[in-house]
Every structure is written in C-alpha cells, then in structure tokens.
N, C-alpha and C. Protein backbone atom coordinates (compact mmCIF):
# COMPACT_ATOMS: atom_id res chain seq x y z
N MET A 1 212.76 114.34 82.83
CA MET A 1 213.68 113.15 82.37
C MET A 1 213.79 112.03 82.28
N ASN A 2 212.73 111.09 82.49
CA ASN A 2 212.79 109.45 82.66
C ASN A 2 212.11 109.55 80.94
N SER A 3 211.63 110.10 79.89
CA SER A 3 211.00 110.20 78.75
C SER A 3 211.09 108.90 78.19
N ARG A 4 211.68 107.87 77.90
CA ARG A 4 211.82 106.64 77.67
C ARG A 4 211.37 105.71 79.03
N ASN A 5 210.86 105.44 79.75
CA ASN A 5 210.82 104.29 80.86
C ASN A 5 209.03 104.98 80.36
N GLU A 6 207.90 106.41 80.30
CA GLU A 6 207.42 107.10 80.42
C GLU A 6 206.54 106.01 79.42
N VAL A 7 207.69 106.66 77.80
CA VAL A 7 206.69 105.93 76.35
C VAL A 7 206.13 104.54 76.54
N VAL A 8 207.20 103.69 77.54
CA VAL A 8 207.54 102.42 77.16
C VAL A 8 206.35 101.95 78.53
N SER A 9 206.08 102.70 79.14
CA SER A 9 204.86 102.31 80.34
C SER A 9 203.73 102.52 79.50
N HIS A 10 203.96 103.58 78.59
CA HIS A 10 202.56 104.17 78.36
C HIS A 10 201.77 103.17 77.24
N TYR A 11 202.71 102.54 75.91
CA TYR A 11 203.25 101.99 75.03
C TYR A 11 202.18 100.36 76.36
N GLY A 12 203.33 99.71 76.87
CA GLY A 12 203.31 98.67 77.51
C GLY A 12 201.67 98.31 78.80
N ALA A 13 201.21 99.70 78.89
CA ALA A 13 200.16 99.54 79.74
C ALA A 13 198.49 99.02 79.14
N GLY A 14 198.41 98.84 78.13
CA GLY A 14 197.45 98.28 77.06
C GLY A 14 197.44 96.60 76.48
N GLN A 15 199.00 96.71 76.50
CA GLN A 15 199.54 95.83 75.60
C GLN A 15 198.48 94.63 76.52
N GLN A 16 198.29 93.87 77.31
CA GLN A 16 197.49 93.01 78.08
C GLN A 16 196.53 93.08 77.51
N SER A 17 195.43 93.73 77.61
CA SER A 17 194.17 93.80 77.13
C SER A 17 193.74 92.99 76.01
N HIS A 18 194.93 93.50 74.75
CA HIS A 18 194.66 93.40 73.20
C HIS A 18 195.18 91.35 73.26
N THR A 19 195.91 90.45 74.04
CA THR A 19 195.74 89.40 74.22
C THR A 19 194.80 88.84 74.81
N THR A 20 193.95 89.71 75.65
CA THR A 20 193.35 88.68 76.62
C THR A 20 191.44 89.47 76.41
N GLU A 21 191.80 89.81 75.19
CA GLU A 21 190.57 90.57 75.30
C GLU A 21 188.54 89.80 74.74
N GLU A 22 189.01 88.30 74.30
CA GLU A 22 187.84 87.41 74.64
C GLU A 22 187.99 87.44 75.95
N SER A 23 188.41 86.96 77.06
CA SER A 23 188.57 86.11 77.75
C SER A 23 188.57 86.85 79.28
N PHE A 24 188.03 86.23 80.28
CA PHE A 24 188.51 87.10 81.40
C PHE A 24 189.30 86.67 81.96
N THR A 25 189.84 87.58 83.23
CA THR A 25 191.43 87.54 83.91
C THR A 25 191.00 86.73 84.92
N THR A 26 191.80 85.82 86.34
CA THR A 26 191.34 85.53 87.21
C THR A 26 190.60 87.10 88.28
N GLU A 27 191.97 87.94 88.21
CA GLU A 27 191.62 89.30 88.09
C GLU A 27 190.64 89.46 88.17
N ASP A 28 189.49 89.74 86.79
CA ASP A 28 188.14 89.87 86.71
C ASP A 28 187.10 89.57 87.78
N ILE A 29 187.55 88.40 87.28
CA ILE A 29 186.27 87.07 88.14
C ILE A 29 186.69 87.72 89.72
N LEU A 30 187.85 87.74 90.00
CA LEU A 30 188.11 88.00 91.53
C LEU A 30 186.91 89.58 91.70
N TRP A 31 187.78 90.39 90.98
CA TRP A 31 187.23 91.68 91.57
C TRP A 31 185.19 91.82 91.05
N ALA A 32 184.67 90.94 90.28
CA ALA A 32 183.64 90.89 90.40
C ALA A 32 182.84 89.61 91.66
N VAL A 33 183.32 89.11 92.45
CA VAL A 33 182.80 88.60 93.34
C VAL A 33 182.81 89.33 94.28
N GLY A 34 183.50 89.91 94.36
CA GLY A 34 184.64 91.31 95.74
C GLY A 34 183.04 92.02 95.30
N ILE A 35 182.80 92.77 94.88
CA ILE A 35 181.69 93.25 94.48
C ILE A 35 180.56 93.10 94.58
N TRP A 36 179.92 91.83 94.22
CA TRP A 36 179.44 91.20 94.55
C TRP A 36 178.67 90.80 96.14
N SER A 37 180.04 90.77 96.53
CA SER A 37 180.25 89.83 97.45
C SER A 37 179.74 91.73 98.86
N VAL A 38 179.85 92.26 98.46
CA VAL A 38 179.58 93.47 99.29
C VAL A 38 178.16 94.59 98.80
N ILE A 39 178.14 93.92 97.67
CA ILE A 39 176.64 94.52 97.45
C ILE A 39 175.57 93.17 97.98
N LEU A 40 175.60 92.54 97.88
CA LEU A 40 174.98 90.92 98.78
C LEU A 40 174.35 91.13 99.99
N THR A 41 175.58 91.23 100.90
CA THR A 41 176.20 92.36 101.65
C THR A 41 175.64 92.96 103.08
N LEU A 42 175.17 94.37 101.99
CA LEU A 42 174.97 95.81 102.57
C LEU A 42 173.34 95.63 102.35
N SER A 43 172.72 95.10 101.20
CA SER A 43 171.72 95.36 100.77
C SER A 43 170.95 94.59 101.68
N PRO A 44 170.98 93.84 102.86
CA PRO A 44 169.84 93.52 103.39
C PRO A 44 169.64 94.65 104.76
N VAL A 45 171.15 95.21 104.93
CA VAL A 45 171.39 96.45 106.40
C VAL A 45 170.30 97.66 105.88
N ILE A 46 170.70 97.66 103.87
CA ILE A 46 170.33 98.57 103.36
C ILE A 46 168.67 98.87 103.65
N VAL A 47 168.03 97.54 103.32
CA VAL A 47 166.75 97.43 103.84
C VAL A 47 166.35 97.42 104.53
N PHE A 48 166.88 96.77 105.94
CA PHE A 48 166.26 97.07 106.60
C PHE A 48 166.11 98.96 107.92
N TYR A 49 167.45 99.13 106.73
CA TYR A 49 167.79 100.29 107.53
C TYR A 49 165.97 101.81 106.98
N MET A 50 165.93 101.15 105.55
CA MET A 50 165.15 101.72 104.66
C MET A 50 163.86 101.84 105.56
N LEU A 51 163.63 100.70 105.78
CA LEU A 51 162.53 99.89 106.40
C LEU A 51 161.70 101.23 107.60
N MET A 52 163.25 101.25 108.75
CA MET A 52 163.23 101.48 109.89
C MET A 52 162.46 103.29 109.92
N VAL A 53 163.34 104.01 108.87
CA VAL A 53 163.30 104.93 108.73
C VAL A 53 161.63 105.98 108.22
N ALA A 54 161.69 105.08 106.67
CA ALA A 54 160.77 105.67 106.32
C ALA A 54 159.16 105.38 107.17
C-alpha cells in the first residue's frame, strides 16, 4: 500500500554515503572507538582465561 514511501526510502538510503564517500563521519569514528574499546577491554580477560584453562 505504501509503495511510494518504500521507493523513496530505498533511493534515499544510499544518498548520504555518496556525499561523504571520502571522509569519516562522527558516527563512524564513535563506532570504531566503541569496537576497539570492547576489544582492548576484553583481551586481557581472554588471555587470562586461556592461561588458566590451558
């Protein structure tokens, strides 16, 4: 029933990526910082677990 809205949302979804193709957005930087903080926080726990189990 909402075919017009679906088409508009489909074509509007990739519009931002074309304008900021060469630069990082704030959301990209926050996502990367969040992922690396989780990795760096859990890595000592994983190493300690592997040393205790092995």
